[in-house]
Amino acid sequence: MPNIARWAATLTLTATAVCGPLSGAALAAPASLHAPSALVLTLGHGEDAALAAPQRAVTLSCAPTASGSHPDAVAACAALKAAGGDLDALPAEGGALCTRQYDPVVVTVQGVWEGRRVDYQRTFSNECVKNAHGAAVFAF
């Protein structure tokens, strides 16, 4: 009879040691409740992203906190959130004074915004116009 008790105790301890860590991992909460928002923004000179080699690139991550190599990640994330992630809906600065010089720049944005895939391209007539449109997002 003592052997049965010893085997039962050994089996219980072994099961606890092996299965204990597995049950904790299965019940673990997700790392974040925010949908991912991570973007790569590039800038090149020319009319088309396919023909214009990127000259600058920055990263922008907005969830759960604003971060990345973007020079003003906090303001850029706030502007994107206000526009619902719609890059075409970013407001232009009304007081910006830009010349009519035609020196096209193309901006691309690729990545994920709140779990949705983003693949965006826009050509601006010059750098000043780009900076005036959605100033916080495209000013890099």
N, C-alpha and C. Protein backbone atom coordinates (compact mmCIF):
# COMPACT_ATOMS: atom_id res chain seq x y z
N MET A 1 0.80 -1.18 0.00
CA MET A 1 0.00 0.00 0.00
C MET A 1 0.85 1.27 0.00
N PRO A 2 1.98 1.31 0.78
CA PRO A 2 2.80 2.52 0.75
C PRO A 2 3.35 2.81 -0.63
N ASN A 3 3.63 1.78 -1.44
CA ASN A 3 4.14 2.02 -2.80
C ASN A 3 3.11 2.73 -3.66
N ILE A 4 1.83 2.41 -3.51
CA ILE A 4 0.77 3.04 -4.29
C ILE A 4 0.69 4.53 -3.93
N ALA A 5 0.79 4.85 -2.67
CA ALA A 5 0.74 6.25 -2.24
C ALA A 5 1.95 7.02 -2.78
N ARG A 6 3.12 6.38 -2.74
CA ARG A 6 4.34 7.02 -3.25
C ARG A 6 4.23 7.26 -4.75
N TRP A 7 3.71 6.27 -5.50
CA TRP A 7 3.55 6.43 -6.94
C TRP A 7 2.52 7.51 -7.26
N ALA A 8 1.45 7.59 -6.51
CA ALA A 8 0.42 8.60 -6.73
C ALA A 8 0.98 10.00 -6.48
N ALA A 9 1.76 10.13 -5.40
CA ALA A 9 2.37 11.43 -5.09
C ALA A 9 3.37 11.82 -6.16
N THR A 10 4.18 10.87 -6.61
CA THR A 10 5.17 11.14 -7.66
C THR A 10 4.48 11.54 -8.96
N LEU A 11 3.43 10.81 -9.32
CA LEU A 11 2.69 11.11 -10.55
C LEU A 11 2.04 12.50 -10.46
N THR A 12 1.49 12.86 -9.31
CA THR A 12 0.86 14.17 -9.13
C THR A 12 1.89 15.28 -9.25
N LEU A 13 3.04 15.13 -8.59
CA LEU A 13 4.10 16.14 -8.67
C LEU A 13 4.64 16.28 -10.09
N THR A 14 4.81 15.16 -10.79
CA THR A 14 5.31 15.20 -12.16
C THR A 14 4.31 15.89 -13.08
N ALA A 15 3.04 15.55 -12.93
CA ALA A 15 2.00 16.18 -13.77
C ALA A 15 1.93 17.68 -13.51
N THR A 16 2.06 18.07 -12.24
CA THR A 16 2.04 19.49 -11.89
C THR A 16 3.24 20.21 -12.48
N ALA A 17 4.41 19.60 -12.41
CA ALA A 17 5.63 20.23 -12.92
C ALA A 17 5.60 20.36 -14.44
N VAL A 18 5.05 19.36 -15.12
CA VAL A 18 5.03 19.38 -16.58
C VAL A 18 3.87 20.22 -17.11
N CYS A 19 2.69 20.05 -16.59
CA CYS A 19 1.50 20.70 -17.12
C CYS A 19 1.23 22.07 -16.51
N GLY A 20 1.79 22.36 -15.37
CA GLY A 20 1.56 23.65 -14.72
C GLY A 20 1.94 24.84 -15.59
N PRO A 21 3.16 24.88 -16.12
CA PRO A 21 3.53 26.01 -16.99
C PRO A 21 2.69 26.09 -18.26
N LEU A 22 2.24 24.97 -18.77
CA LEU A 22 1.43 24.99 -19.99
C LEU A 22 0.06 25.61 -19.74
N SER A 23 -0.56 25.30 -18.61
CA SER A 23 -1.88 25.86 -18.34
C SER A 23 -1.80 27.35 -18.12
N GLY A 24 -0.73 27.87 -17.53
CA GLY A 24 -0.56 29.31 -17.33
C GLY A 24 -0.42 30.03 -18.66
N ALA A 25 0.30 29.46 -19.60
CA ALA A 25 0.48 30.09 -20.90
C ALA A 25 -0.82 30.12 -21.68
N ALA A 26 -1.64 29.09 -21.52
CA ALA A 26 -2.89 29.04 -22.26
C ALA A 26 -3.88 30.09 -21.74
N LEU A 27 -3.75 30.46 -20.48
CA LEU A 27 -4.67 31.42 -19.90
C LEU A 27 -4.13 32.84 -19.91
N ALA A 28 -2.93 33.04 -20.44
CA ALA A 28 -2.32 34.36 -20.43
C ALA A 28 -3.12 35.34 -21.29
N ALA A 29 -3.20 36.57 -20.82
CA ALA A 29 -3.91 37.61 -21.57
C ALA A 29 -3.06 38.05 -22.76
N PRO A 30 -3.66 38.59 -23.82
CA PRO A 30 -2.88 39.08 -24.95
C PRO A 30 -1.97 40.22 -24.50
N ALA A 31 -0.87 40.40 -25.21
CA ALA A 31 0.12 41.42 -24.85
C ALA A 31 -0.46 42.82 -24.94
N SER A 32 -1.37 43.06 -25.87
CA SER A 32 -1.94 44.38 -26.05
C SER A 32 -3.37 44.26 -26.55
N LEU A 33 -4.21 45.16 -26.12
CA LEU A 33 -5.59 45.17 -26.59
C LEU A 33 -5.76 46.09 -27.79
N HIS A 34 -4.69 46.73 -28.22
CA HIS A 34 -4.73 47.66 -29.35
C HIS A 34 -4.42 46.91 -30.64
N ALA A 35 -5.13 47.27 -31.70
CA ALA A 35 -4.80 46.73 -33.01
C ALA A 35 -3.48 47.33 -33.45
N PRO A 36 -2.65 46.59 -34.16
CA PRO A 36 -1.35 47.13 -34.55
C PRO A 36 -1.47 48.31 -35.51
N SER A 37 -0.60 49.28 -35.31
CA SER A 37 -0.51 50.44 -36.19
C SER A 37 0.97 50.76 -36.37
N ALA A 38 1.54 50.26 -37.44
CA ALA A 38 2.95 50.47 -37.72
C ALA A 38 3.10 50.77 -39.21
N LEU A 39 3.71 51.91 -39.51
CA LEU A 39 3.82 52.37 -40.89
C LEU A 39 5.26 52.70 -41.24
N VAL A 40 5.59 52.57 -42.52
CA VAL A 40 6.87 53.03 -43.06
C VAL A 40 6.54 54.09 -44.10
N LEU A 41 7.06 55.29 -43.91
CA LEU A 41 6.82 56.41 -44.82
C LEU A 41 8.10 56.69 -45.57
N THR A 42 8.01 56.84 -46.89
CA THR A 42 9.18 57.17 -47.70
C THR A 42 8.92 58.42 -48.51
N LEU A 43 10.00 59.08 -48.89
CA LEU A 43 9.94 60.29 -49.71
C LEU A 43 10.96 60.16 -50.82
N GLY A 44 10.54 60.47 -52.03
CA GLY A 44 11.44 60.47 -53.17
C GLY A 44 11.09 61.61 -54.10
N HIS A 45 12.04 62.04 -54.91
CA HIS A 45 11.78 63.11 -55.86
C HIS A 45 11.41 62.50 -57.20
N GLY A 46 10.32 62.97 -57.76
CA GLY A 46 9.80 62.47 -59.02
C GLY A 46 8.30 62.39 -58.96
N GLU A 47 7.70 61.93 -60.02
CA GLU A 47 6.24 61.89 -60.11
C GLU A 47 5.64 60.54 -59.72
N ASP A 48 6.45 59.50 -59.72
CA ASP A 48 5.93 58.16 -59.47
C ASP A 48 6.87 57.42 -58.54
N ALA A 49 6.32 56.75 -57.55
CA ALA A 49 7.14 56.01 -56.58
C ALA A 49 7.94 54.90 -57.25
N ALA A 50 7.39 54.32 -58.31
CA ALA A 50 8.10 53.24 -59.01
C ALA A 50 9.36 53.75 -59.69
N LEU A 51 9.37 55.03 -60.08
CA LEU A 51 10.52 55.60 -60.79
C LEU A 51 11.42 56.42 -59.87
N ALA A 52 10.89 56.90 -58.76
CA ALA A 52 11.65 57.75 -57.85
C ALA A 52 12.25 56.89 -56.73
N ALA A 53 13.56 56.90 -56.63
CA ALA A 53 14.22 56.16 -55.56
C ALA A 53 13.97 56.87 -54.23
N PRO A 54 13.60 56.13 -53.19
CA PRO A 54 13.38 56.78 -51.89
C PRO A 54 14.64 57.45 -51.38
N GLN A 55 14.51 58.70 -50.96
CA GLN A 55 15.64 59.44 -50.41
C GLN A 55 15.59 59.51 -48.90
N ARG A 56 14.41 59.42 -48.35
CA ARG A 56 14.22 59.40 -46.90
C ARG A 56 13.17 58.37 -46.56
N ALA A 57 13.33 57.77 -45.40
CA ALA A 57 12.33 56.83 -44.89
C ALA A 57 12.29 56.93 -43.37
N VAL A 58 11.07 56.87 -42.84
CA VAL A 58 10.89 56.88 -41.39
C VAL A 58 9.87 55.82 -41.02
N THR A 59 9.92 55.40 -39.76
CA THR A 59 8.93 54.47 -39.25
C THR A 59 8.03 55.21 -38.28
N LEU A 60 6.79 54.74 -38.19
CA LEU A 60 5.81 55.36 -37.30
C LEU A 60 4.94 54.25 -36.73
N SER A 61 4.98 54.10 -35.43
CA SER A 61 4.14 53.13 -34.74
C SER A 61 3.24 53.89 -33.78
N CYS A 62 1.95 53.65 -33.86
CA CYS A 62 1.00 54.44 -33.05
C CYS A 62 0.27 53.65 -31.98
N ALA A 63 0.37 52.36 -31.96
CA ALA A 63 -0.34 51.58 -30.93
C ALA A 63 0.62 50.58 -30.32
N PRO A 64 0.73 50.52 -29.05
CA PRO A 64 -0.08 51.22 -28.04
C PRO A 64 0.39 52.65 -27.76
N THR A 65 1.63 52.99 -28.07
CA THR A 65 2.09 54.37 -27.88
C THR A 65 2.79 54.83 -29.15
N ALA A 66 2.90 56.13 -29.31
CA ALA A 66 3.57 56.71 -30.48
C ALA A 66 5.08 56.52 -30.35
N SER A 67 5.69 55.97 -31.42
CA SER A 67 7.13 55.76 -31.42
C SER A 67 7.60 55.61 -32.86
N GLY A 68 8.88 55.43 -33.03
CA GLY A 68 9.46 55.25 -34.35
C GLY A 68 10.49 56.32 -34.64
N SER A 69 11.00 56.31 -35.87
CA SER A 69 12.03 57.29 -36.25
C SER A 69 11.43 58.57 -36.82
N HIS A 70 10.11 58.66 -36.89
CA HIS A 70 9.45 59.88 -37.35
C HIS A 70 9.83 61.02 -36.40
N PRO A 71 10.16 62.23 -36.92
CA PRO A 71 10.61 63.32 -36.05
C PRO A 71 9.56 63.80 -35.05
N ASP A 72 8.27 63.64 -35.32
CA ASP A 72 7.22 64.04 -34.39
C ASP A 72 6.14 62.96 -34.38
N ALA A 73 6.50 61.80 -33.83
CA ALA A 73 5.61 60.64 -33.85
C ALA A 73 4.30 60.91 -33.11
N VAL A 74 4.36 61.64 -32.01
CA VAL A 74 3.15 61.90 -31.22
C VAL A 74 2.14 62.71 -32.04
N ALA A 75 2.58 63.79 -32.66
CA ALA A 75 1.68 64.63 -33.46
C ALA A 75 1.20 63.88 -34.71
N ALA A 76 2.07 63.10 -35.33
CA ALA A 76 1.68 62.35 -36.52
C ALA A 76 0.61 61.31 -36.18
N CYS A 77 0.78 60.63 -35.07
CA CYS A 77 -0.23 59.64 -34.66
C CYS A 77 -1.55 60.32 -34.31
N ALA A 78 -1.48 61.47 -33.66
CA ALA A 78 -2.70 62.21 -33.31
C ALA A 78 -3.44 62.65 -34.58
N ALA A 79 -2.70 63.12 -35.58
CA ALA A 79 -3.32 63.55 -36.84
C ALA A 79 -3.96 62.37 -37.57
N LEU A 80 -3.26 61.24 -37.59
CA LEU A 80 -3.82 60.05 -38.24
C LEU A 80 -5.07 59.56 -37.51
N LYS A 81 -5.03 59.58 -36.21
CA LYS A 81 -6.20 59.14 -35.43
C LYS A 81 -7.38 60.06 -35.68
N ALA A 82 -7.13 61.37 -35.74
CA ALA A 82 -8.21 62.34 -36.00
C ALA A 82 -8.82 62.13 -37.39
N ALA A 83 -7.99 61.68 -38.35
CA ALA A 83 -8.47 61.44 -39.72
C ALA A 83 -9.00 60.02 -39.90
N GLY A 84 -9.04 59.26 -38.83
CA GLY A 84 -9.52 57.88 -38.92
C GLY A 84 -8.60 56.99 -39.73
N GLY A 85 -7.32 57.37 -39.81
CA GLY A 85 -6.36 56.58 -40.58
C GLY A 85 -6.42 56.83 -42.08
N ASP A 86 -7.30 57.72 -42.52
CA ASP A 86 -7.45 58.03 -43.94
C ASP A 86 -6.43 59.11 -44.32
N LEU A 87 -5.39 58.73 -45.04
CA LEU A 87 -4.32 59.67 -45.39
C LEU A 87 -4.80 60.77 -46.33
N ASP A 88 -5.82 60.50 -47.13
CA ASP A 88 -6.37 61.53 -48.01
C ASP A 88 -7.18 62.57 -47.23
N ALA A 89 -7.63 62.21 -46.04
CA ALA A 89 -8.45 63.12 -45.23
C ALA A 89 -7.62 64.00 -44.31
N LEU A 90 -6.29 63.88 -44.36
CA LEU A 90 -5.45 64.74 -43.52
C LEU A 90 -5.62 66.19 -43.96
N PRO A 91 -5.82 67.09 -43.02
CA PRO A 91 -6.06 68.49 -43.39
C PRO A 91 -4.79 69.18 -43.86
N ALA A 92 -4.95 70.13 -44.77
CA ALA A 92 -3.84 70.97 -45.22
C ALA A 92 -3.82 72.22 -44.37
N GLU A 93 -2.61 72.72 -44.10
CA GLU A 93 -2.49 73.96 -43.35
C GLU A 93 -2.97 75.11 -44.22
N GLY A 94 -3.88 75.89 -43.70
CA GLY A 94 -4.43 77.00 -44.46
C GLY A 94 -3.48 78.16 -44.62
N GLY A 95 -2.56 78.36 -43.67
CA GLY A 95 -1.68 79.52 -43.71
C GLY A 95 -0.35 79.28 -44.41
N ALA A 96 -0.15 78.12 -44.98
CA ALA A 96 1.14 77.82 -45.63
C ALA A 96 1.25 78.59 -46.95
N LEU A 97 2.39 79.24 -47.15
CA LEU A 97 2.65 79.96 -48.40
C LEU A 97 3.73 79.20 -49.17
N CYS A 98 3.33 78.61 -50.28
CA CYS A 98 4.26 77.83 -51.09
C CYS A 98 4.35 78.43 -52.49
N THR A 99 5.51 78.29 -53.08
CA THR A 99 5.69 78.76 -54.46
C THR A 99 5.03 77.77 -55.41
N ARG A 100 4.91 78.18 -56.66
CA ARG A 100 4.33 77.29 -57.67
C ARG A 100 5.40 76.51 -58.42
N GLN A 101 6.57 76.49 -57.88
CA GLN A 101 7.67 75.72 -58.49
C GLN A 101 7.26 74.25 -58.58
N TYR A 102 7.50 73.67 -59.74
CA TYR A 102 7.17 72.26 -59.93
C TYR A 102 8.44 71.44 -59.77
N ASP A 103 8.55 70.82 -58.62
CA ASP A 103 9.66 69.92 -58.29
C ASP A 103 9.02 68.76 -57.52
N PRO A 104 8.38 67.83 -58.27
CA PRO A 104 7.52 66.84 -57.61
C PRO A 104 8.25 65.95 -56.62
N VAL A 105 7.53 65.69 -55.53
CA VAL A 105 7.99 64.72 -54.52
C VAL A 105 6.87 63.72 -54.33
N VAL A 106 7.24 62.48 -54.15
CA VAL A 106 6.26 61.42 -53.96
C VAL A 106 6.46 60.81 -52.58
N VAL A 107 5.34 60.64 -51.88
CA VAL A 107 5.34 60.05 -50.55
C VAL A 107 4.62 58.71 -50.64
N THR A 108 5.20 57.69 -50.03
CA THR A 108 4.53 56.40 -49.93
C THR A 108 4.39 56.06 -48.45
N VAL A 109 3.31 55.38 -48.14
CA VAL A 109 3.06 54.91 -46.79
C VAL A 109 2.61 53.46 -46.91
N GLN A 110 3.33 52.58 -46.24
CA GLN A 110 2.98 51.16 -46.27
C GLN A 110 3.05 50.61 -44.85
N GLY A 111 2.17 49.69 -44.57
CA GLY A 111 2.15 49.06 -43.26
C GLY A 111 0.75 48.70 -42.84
N VAL A 112 0.48 48.88 -41.55
CA VAL A 112 -0.81 48.50 -40.97
C VAL A 112 -1.30 49.64 -40.09
N TRP A 113 -2.56 50.02 -40.26
CA TRP A 113 -3.19 51.02 -39.39
C TRP A 113 -4.40 50.38 -38.74
N GLU A 114 -4.36 50.24 -37.42
CA GLU A 114 -5.43 49.63 -36.63
C GLU A 114 -5.89 48.31 -37.24
N GLY A 115 -4.93 47.50 -37.62
CA GLY A 115 -5.21 46.17 -38.14
C GLY A 115 -5.52 46.10 -39.63
N ARG A 116 -5.63 47.25 -40.31
CA ARG A 116 -5.93 47.28 -41.75
C ARG A 116 -4.65 47.57 -42.54
N ARG A 117 -4.49 46.89 -43.64
CA ARG A 117 -3.32 47.07 -44.51
C ARG A 117 -3.39 48.44 -45.18
N VAL A 118 -2.25 49.14 -45.21
CA VAL A 118 -2.15 50.46 -45.84
C VAL A 118 -1.12 50.39 -46.96
N ASP A 119 -1.50 50.86 -48.13
CA ASP A 119 -0.59 50.98 -49.27
C ASP A 119 -0.98 52.28 -49.98
N TYR A 120 -0.26 53.35 -49.69
CA TYR A 120 -0.65 54.69 -50.12
C TYR A 120 0.50 55.35 -50.88
N GLN A 121 0.14 56.11 -51.90
CA GLN A 121 1.13 56.88 -52.67
C GLN A 121 0.49 58.20 -53.07
N ARG A 122 1.23 59.29 -52.91
CA ARG A 122 0.73 60.59 -53.33
C ARG A 122 1.89 61.43 -53.82
N THR A 123 1.67 62.15 -54.92
CA THR A 123 2.67 63.05 -55.48
C THR A 123 2.25 64.48 -55.18
N PHE A 124 3.18 65.25 -54.62
CA PHE A 124 2.97 66.67 -54.34
C PHE A 124 3.81 67.49 -55.30
N SER A 125 3.37 68.70 -55.62
CA SER A 125 4.07 69.51 -56.62
C SER A 125 5.45 69.95 -56.14
N ASN A 126 5.63 70.10 -54.83
CA ASN A 126 6.97 70.40 -54.29
C ASN A 126 6.98 70.08 -52.80
N GLU A 127 8.13 70.22 -52.19
CA GLU A 127 8.32 69.86 -50.78
C GLU A 127 7.46 70.72 -49.86
N CYS A 128 7.31 71.99 -50.17
CA CYS A 128 6.50 72.89 -49.34
C CYS A 128 5.05 72.44 -49.31
N VAL A 129 4.51 72.07 -50.44
CA VAL A 129 3.12 71.61 -50.50
C VAL A 129 2.97 70.31 -49.71
N LYS A 130 3.95 69.43 -49.80
CA LYS A 130 3.92 68.18 -49.02
C LYS A 130 3.89 68.47 -47.54
N ASN A 131 4.75 69.38 -47.09
CA ASN A 131 4.81 69.71 -45.66
C ASN A 131 3.54 70.39 -45.18
N ALA A 132 2.87 71.13 -46.05
CA ALA A 132 1.65 71.82 -45.66
C ALA A 132 0.45 70.87 -45.59
N HIS A 133 0.50 69.78 -46.33
CA HIS A 133 -0.60 68.82 -46.33
C HIS A 133 -0.33 67.78 -45.25
N GLY A 134 -1.20 67.73 -44.27
CA GLY A 134 -1.00 66.74 -43.20
C GLY A 134 0.34 66.94 -42.53
N ALA A 135 0.64 68.21 -42.20
CA ALA A 135 1.97 68.63 -41.76
C ALA A 135 2.64 67.67 -40.79
N ALA A 136 1.92 67.20 -39.80
CA ALA A 136 2.55 66.36 -38.79
C ALA A 136 2.97 65.00 -39.36
N VAL A 137 2.18 64.47 -40.28
CA VAL A 137 2.46 63.13 -40.81
C VAL A 137 3.54 63.16 -41.88
N PHE A 138 3.44 64.08 -42.83
CA PHE A 138 4.34 64.08 -43.98
C PHE A 138 5.59 64.94 -43.78
N ALA A 139 5.71 65.62 -42.66
CA ALA A 139 6.91 66.46 -42.41
C ALA A 139 8.01 65.61 -41.80
N PHE A 140 8.78 64.99 -42.66
CA PHE A 140 9.94 64.20 -42.21
C PHE A 140 11.07 64.32 -43.19
